[in-house]
Amino acid sequence: RCAGSAQPSGMPAPPTRSPMATTSIPPDTPELSRAIFQYGVTPAVLHGVTEEELEATYQLAYELVMESQYEEALESAELLVRMDPGEQRYLFAFALCLQHVGEYASAARYYAEALVLQATDAVCAFRMGECLMAMEDLDEARTAFELSVTLSWLDVDCTEVRELAQQHLDELFSEGA
């Protein structure tokens, strides 16, 4: 992910470009939970949403994020998370949109979920730190930025993320956090 960290979002570029039909998820049912948790079936599969449709929706969200239209991208990003809650890129995109509309607590939770799915993602840890800092949870923000710095050493393309995380750490330590 750090190779694209020069982009304001850190969001990886999508591979496809086509529109997706609108799909909704019915209320949670025992059958749906069983299919997801026992068999790894995603809601997208249950609703007949194709990988191409998911990627097209990701493309739309990506383009809106690149234009700093986070509120507009939020609906597409949320749909992606609903359709495939185990896809790290979708969780990251949703968290990024939430962060930029000021929903820091929710964004931090989704970044944490995304980080669980890709535990070496320095950008994800960095973004989570930004949210925690905005919420004035400075001890947890410090921990997230330290993690980002550590993870950034795993990828030679993460220099920019490492420097930004270190700047935040220096700021937090100068404030006594």
C-alpha atoms as a PDB file:
ATOM      1  CA  ARG A   1       0.000   0.000   0.000  1.00  0.00           C
ATOM      2  CA  CYS A   2       2.831   2.446   0.726  1.00  0.00           C
ATOM      3  CA  ALA A   3       3.796   2.616  -2.936  1.00  0.00           C
ATOM      4  CA  GLY A   4       0.606   4.631  -3.388  1.00  0.00           C
ATOM      5  CA  SER A   5       0.983   6.568  -0.163  1.00  0.00           C
ATOM      6  CA  ALA A   6       1.843   9.718  -2.076  1.00  0.00           C
ATOM      7  CA  GLN A   7      -1.866   9.749  -2.906  1.00  0.00           C
ATOM      8  CA  PRO A   8      -3.751  11.679  -0.258  1.00  0.00           C
ATOM      9  CA  SER A   9      -5.781   8.629   0.711  1.00  0.00           C
ATOM     10  CA  GLY A  10      -3.370   5.710   0.699  1.00  0.00           C
ATOM     11  CA  MET A  11      -6.231   3.822  -0.969  1.00  0.00           C
ATOM     12  CA  PRO A  12      -4.994   1.299  -3.574  1.00  0.00           C
ATOM     13  CA  ALA A  13      -6.151   1.927  -7.130  1.00  0.00           C
ATOM     14  CA  PRO A  14      -8.894  -0.369  -8.421  1.00  0.00           C
ATOM     15  CA  PRO A  15      -8.312  -2.733 -11.335  1.00  0.00           C
ATOM     16  CA  THR A  16     -11.654  -2.278 -13.214  1.00  0.00           C
ATOM     17  CA  ARG A  17     -14.098   0.401 -14.452  1.00  0.00           C
ATOM     18  CA  SER A  18     -17.810  -0.414 -14.861  1.00  0.00           C
ATOM     19  CA  PRO A  19     -21.022   0.608 -13.035  1.00  0.00           C
ATOM     20  CA  MET A  20     -22.687  -1.629 -10.433  1.00  0.00           C
ATOM     21  CA  ALA A  21     -26.362  -2.274  -9.944  1.00  0.00           C
ATOM     22  CA  THR A  22     -27.709  -1.189  -6.564  1.00  0.00           C
ATOM     23  CA  THR A  23     -28.055  -4.110  -4.160  1.00  0.00           C
ATOM     24  CA  SER A  24     -29.369  -4.185  -0.615  1.00  0.00           C
ATOM     25  CA  ILE A  25     -28.911  -6.657   2.206  1.00  0.00           C
ATOM     26  CA  PRO A  26     -31.989  -7.957   4.000  1.00  0.00           C
ATOM     27  CA  PRO A  27     -32.124  -7.847   7.789  1.00  0.00           C
ATOM     28  CA  ASP A  28     -29.757 -10.267   9.495  1.00  0.00           C
ATOM     29  CA  THR A  29     -31.120 -13.801   9.622  1.00  0.00           C
ATOM     30  CA  PRO A  30     -29.785 -17.008  11.208  1.00  0.00           C
ATOM     31  CA  GLU A  31     -29.337 -18.524   7.727  1.00  0.00           C
ATOM     32  CA  LEU A  32     -27.251 -15.569   6.564  1.00  0.00           C
ATOM     33  CA  SER A  33     -25.080 -15.697   9.688  1.00  0.00           C
ATOM     34  CA  ARG A  34     -24.554 -19.432   9.269  1.00  0.00           C
ATOM     35  CA  ALA A  35     -23.576 -19.070   5.605  1.00  0.00           C
ATOM     36  CA  ILE A  36     -21.109 -16.302   6.404  1.00  0.00           C
ATOM     37  CA  PHE A  37     -19.507 -17.722   9.551  1.00  0.00           C
ATOM     38  CA  GLN A  38     -19.578 -21.450   8.840  1.00  0.00           C
ATOM     39  CA  TYR A  39     -18.962 -21.476   5.109  1.00  0.00           C
ATOM     40  CA  GLY A  40     -17.265 -18.161   4.358  1.00  0.00           C
ATOM     41  CA  VAL A  41     -20.014 -17.086   1.979  1.00  0.00           C
ATOM     42  CA  THR A  42     -20.178 -13.323   1.545  1.00  0.00           C
ATOM     43  CA  PRO A  43     -23.413 -11.379   1.296  1.00  0.00           C
ATOM     44  CA  ALA A  44     -22.311 -10.476  -2.250  1.00  0.00           C
ATOM     45  CA  VAL A  45     -22.367 -14.145  -3.220  1.00  0.00           C
ATOM     46  CA  LEU A  46     -25.751 -14.648  -1.548  1.00  0.00           C
ATOM     47  CA  HIS A  47     -27.182 -11.738  -3.539  1.00  0.00           C
ATOM     48  CA  GLY A  48     -25.591 -12.660  -6.841  1.00  0.00           C
ATOM     49  CA  VAL A  49     -23.307  -9.621  -6.916  1.00  0.00           C
ATOM     50  CA  THR A  50     -20.325 -10.388  -9.108  1.00  0.00           C
ATOM     51  CA  GLU A  51     -16.683  -9.596  -8.460  1.00  0.00           C
ATOM     52  CA  GLU A  52     -16.849  -7.251 -11.454  1.00  0.00           C
ATOM     53  CA  GLU A  53     -19.728  -5.332  -9.868  1.00  0.00           C
ATOM     54  CA  LEU A  54     -17.849  -5.046  -6.580  1.00  0.00           C
ATOM     55  CA  GLU A  55     -14.748  -3.785  -8.375  1.00  0.00           C
ATOM     56  CA  ALA A  56     -16.840  -1.279 -10.327  1.00  0.00           C
ATOM     57  CA  THR A  57     -18.240   0.052  -7.064  1.00  0.00           C
ATOM     58  CA  TYR A  58     -14.721   0.237  -5.648  1.00  0.00           C
ATOM     59  CA  GLN A  59     -13.669   2.159  -8.785  1.00  0.00           C
ATOM     60  CA  LEU A  60     -16.466   4.663  -8.189  1.00  0.00           C
ATOM     61  CA  ALA A  61     -15.538   5.078  -4.513  1.00  0.00           C
ATOM     62  CA  TYR A  62     -11.860   5.415  -5.441  1.00  0.00           C
ATOM     63  CA  GLU A  63     -12.560   8.146  -8.005  1.00  0.00           C
ATOM     64  CA  LEU A  64     -14.708  10.075  -5.542  1.00  0.00           C
ATOM     65  CA  VAL A  65     -12.030   9.801  -2.837  1.00  0.00           C
ATOM     66  CA  MET A  66      -9.366  11.011  -5.270  1.00  0.00           C
ATOM     67  CA  GLU A  67     -11.592  14.066  -5.856  1.00  0.00           C
ATOM     68  CA  SER A  68     -11.966  14.531  -2.060  1.00  0.00           C
ATOM     69  CA  GLN A  69     -15.701  13.792  -2.335  1.00  0.00           C
ATOM     70  CA  TYR A  70     -15.780  11.661   0.800  1.00  0.00           C
ATOM     71  CA  GLU A  71     -19.466  12.075   1.610  1.00  0.00           C
ATOM     72  CA  GLU A  72     -20.364  10.968  -1.898  1.00  0.00           C
ATOM     73  CA  ALA A  73     -17.965   7.992  -1.694  1.00  0.00           C
ATOM     74  CA  LEU A  74     -19.304   6.905   1.686  1.00  0.00           C
ATOM     75  CA  GLU A  75     -22.399   5.171   0.282  1.00  0.00           C
ATOM     76  CA  SER A  76     -20.378   3.079  -2.186  1.00  0.00           C
ATOM     77  CA  ALA A  77     -17.768   2.234   0.442  1.00  0.00           C
ATOM     78  CA  GLU A  78     -20.453   1.174   2.918  1.00  0.00           C
ATOM     79  CA  LEU A  79     -22.095  -1.022   0.285  1.00  0.00           C
ATOM     80  CA  LEU A  80     -18.752  -2.713  -0.373  1.00  0.00           C
ATOM     81  CA  VAL A  81     -18.270  -3.467   3.333  1.00  0.00           C
ATOM     82  CA  ARG A  82     -21.795  -4.854   3.550  1.00  0.00           C
ATOM     83  CA  MET A  83     -21.255  -7.056   0.514  1.00  0.00           C
ATOM     84  CA  ASP A  84     -17.799  -8.350   1.479  1.00  0.00           C
ATOM     85  CA  PRO A  85     -16.902  -7.492   5.081  1.00  0.00           C
ATOM     86  CA  GLY A  86     -13.712  -9.551   4.883  1.00  0.00           C
ATOM     87  CA  GLU A  87     -12.098  -7.520   2.085  1.00  0.00           C
ATOM     88  CA  GLN A  88      -9.413  -5.287   3.592  1.00  0.00           C
ATOM     89  CA  ARG A  89      -9.507  -2.697   0.784  1.00  0.00           C
ATOM     90  CA  TYR A  90     -13.223  -2.159   1.320  1.00  0.00           C
ATOM     91  CA  LEU A  91     -12.846  -1.716   5.072  1.00  0.00           C
ATOM     92  CA  PHE A  92      -9.997   0.745   4.523  1.00  0.00           C
ATOM     93  CA  ALA A  93     -12.010   2.744   1.958  1.00  0.00           C
ATOM     94  CA  PHE A  94     -15.017   2.915   4.279  1.00  0.00           C
ATOM     95  CA  ALA A  95     -12.838   3.961   7.223  1.00  0.00           C
ATOM     96  CA  LEU A  96     -11.161   6.632   5.107  1.00  0.00           C
ATOM     97  CA  CYS A  97     -14.525   8.109   4.128  1.00  0.00           C
ATOM     98  CA  LEU A  98     -15.739   8.018   7.736  1.00  0.00           C
ATOM     99  CA  GLN A  99     -12.552   9.740   8.865  1.00  0.00           C
ATOM    100  CA  HIS A 100     -12.957  12.551   6.369  1.00  0.00           C
ATOM    101  CA  VAL A 101     -16.566  13.203   7.346  1.00  0.00           C
ATOM    102  CA  GLY A 102     -15.547  13.473  11.001  1.00  0.00           C
ATOM    103  CA  GLU A 103     -16.753  10.070  12.229  1.00  0.00           C
ATOM    104  CA  TYR A 104     -13.437   9.343  13.953  1.00  0.00           C
ATOM    105  CA  ALA A 105     -14.559   6.647  16.386  1.00  0.00           C
ATOM    106  CA  SER A 106     -16.235   4.591  13.663  1.00  0.00           C
ATOM    107  CA  ALA A 107     -13.317   5.153  11.312  1.00  0.00           C
ATOM    108  CA  ALA A 108     -10.836   3.974  13.937  1.00  0.00           C
ATOM    109  CA  ARG A 109     -12.861   0.780  14.457  1.00  0.00           C
ATOM    110  CA  TYR A 110     -12.919   0.024  10.730  1.00  0.00           C
ATOM    111  CA  TYR A 111      -9.197   0.779  10.400  1.00  0.00           C
ATOM    112  CA  ALA A 112      -8.612  -1.664  13.264  1.00  0.00           C
ATOM    113  CA  GLU A 113     -10.633  -4.330  11.433  1.00  0.00           C
ATOM    114  CA  ALA A 114      -8.697  -3.656   8.233  1.00  0.00           C
ATOM    115  CA  LEU A 115      -5.425  -3.900  10.130  1.00  0.00           C
ATOM    116  CA  VAL A 116      -6.421  -7.296  11.498  1.00  0.00           C
ATOM    117  CA  LEU A 117      -6.899  -8.489   7.912  1.00  0.00           C
ATOM    118  CA  GLN A 118      -3.584  -7.035   6.732  1.00  0.00           C
ATOM    119  CA  ALA A 119      -1.404  -6.776   9.803  1.00  0.00           C
ATOM    120  CA  THR A 120       1.563  -5.178   7.990  1.00  0.00           C
ATOM    121  CA  ASP A 121      -0.354  -2.165   6.647  1.00  0.00           C
ATOM    122  CA  ALA A 122       1.564   0.900   7.868  1.00  0.00           C
ATOM    123  CA  VAL A 123      -0.884   3.315   6.213  1.00  0.00           C
ATOM    124  CA  CYS A 124      -3.826   1.720   7.995  1.00  0.00           C
ATOM    125  CA  ALA A 125      -2.092   2.031  11.370  1.00  0.00           C
ATOM    126  CA  PHE A 126      -1.205   5.647  10.534  1.00  0.00           C
ATOM    127  CA  ARG A 127      -4.792   6.551   9.612  1.00  0.00           C
ATOM    128  CA  MET A 128      -6.059   4.885  12.782  1.00  0.00           C
ATOM    129  CA  GLY A 129      -3.589   7.026  14.744  1.00  0.00           C
ATOM    130  CA  GLU A 130      -4.941  10.160  13.065  1.00  0.00           C
ATOM    131  CA  CYS A 131      -8.477   9.236  14.142  1.00  0.00           C
ATOM    132  CA  LEU A 132      -7.410   8.493  17.706  1.00  0.00           C
ATOM    133  CA  MET A 133      -5.522  11.783  17.826  1.00  0.00           C
ATOM    134  CA  ALA A 134      -8.615  13.650  16.580  1.00  0.00           C
ATOM    135  CA  MET A 135     -10.580  11.961  19.387  1.00  0.00           C
ATOM    136  CA  GLU A 136      -7.877  13.099  21.837  1.00  0.00           C
ATOM    137  CA  ASP A 137      -7.093   9.507  22.791  1.00  0.00           C
ATOM    138  CA  LEU A 138      -3.421  10.382  22.775  1.00  0.00           C
ATOM    139  CA  ASP A 139      -2.023   7.216  24.378  1.00  0.00           C
ATOM    140  CA  GLU A 140      -3.747   5.024  21.800  1.00  0.00           C
ATOM    141  CA  ALA A 141      -2.784   7.428  19.009  1.00  0.00           C
ATOM    142  CA  ARG A 142       0.848   7.164  20.103  1.00  0.00           C
ATOM    143  CA  THR A 143       0.607   3.361  20.007  1.00  0.00           C
ATOM    144  CA  ALA A 144      -0.890   3.454  16.497  1.00  0.00           C
ATOM    145  CA  PHE A 145       1.796   5.823  15.198  1.00  0.00           C
ATOM    146  CA  GLU A 146       4.533   3.689  16.768  1.00  0.00           C
ATOM    147  CA  LEU A 147       3.038   0.662  15.037  1.00  0.00           C
ATOM    148  CA  SER A 148       2.933   2.571  11.753  1.00  0.00           C
ATOM    149  CA  VAL A 149       6.615   3.480  12.058  1.00  0.00           C
ATOM    150  CA  THR A 150       7.514  -0.135  12.847  1.00  0.00           C
ATOM    151  CA  LEU A 151       5.445  -1.528   9.976  1.00  0.00           C
ATOM    152  CA  SER A 152       6.807   1.068   7.571  1.00  0.00           C
ATOM    153  CA  TRP A 153      10.241  -0.552   7.815  1.00  0.00           C
ATOM    154  CA  LEU A 154       8.800  -3.664   6.143  1.00  0.00           C
ATOM    155  CA  ASP A 155       8.261  -1.806   2.858  1.00  0.00           C
ATOM    156  CA  VAL A 156      10.890   0.420   1.245  1.00  0.00           C
ATOM    157  CA  ASP A 157       8.090   2.512  -0.285  1.00  0.00           C
ATOM    158  CA  CYS A 158       6.765   3.553   3.143  1.00  0.00           C
ATOM    159  CA  THR A 159       9.278   6.300   3.861  1.00  0.00           C
ATOM    160  CA  GLU A 160       6.666   9.063   3.604  1.00  0.00           C
ATOM    161  CA  VAL A 161       4.277   7.296   5.980  1.00  0.00           C
ATOM    162  CA  ARG A 162       7.105   6.627   8.444  1.00  0.00           C
ATOM    163  CA  GLU A 163       8.122  10.310   8.412  1.00  0.00           C
ATOM    164  CA  LEU A 164       4.547  11.509   8.929  1.00  0.00           C
ATOM    165  CA  ALA A 165       3.963   9.026  11.754  1.00  0.00           C
ATOM    166  CA  GLN A 166       7.239  10.078  13.380  1.00  0.00           C
ATOM    167  CA  GLN A 167       6.201  13.744  13.142  1.00  0.00           C
ATOM    168  CA  HIS A 168       2.985  12.918  14.992  1.00  0.00           C
ATOM    169  CA  LEU A 169       4.941  10.956  17.599  1.00  0.00           C
ATOM    170  CA  ASP A 170       7.332  13.857  18.120  1.00  0.00           C
ATOM    171  CA  GLU A 171       4.336  16.168  18.541  1.00  0.00           C
ATOM    172  CA  LEU A 172       2.666  13.810  21.021  1.00  0.00           C
ATOM    173  CA  PHE A 173       5.846  13.371  23.064  1.00  0.00           C
ATOM    174  CA  SER A 174       6.411  17.137  23.180  1.00  0.00           C
ATOM    175  CA  GLU A 175       2.869  17.479  24.567  1.00  0.00           C
ATOM    176  CA  GLY A 176       3.591  14.845  27.182  1.00  0.00           C
ATOM    177  CA  ALA A 177       1.221  12.156  25.831  1.00  0.00           C
END
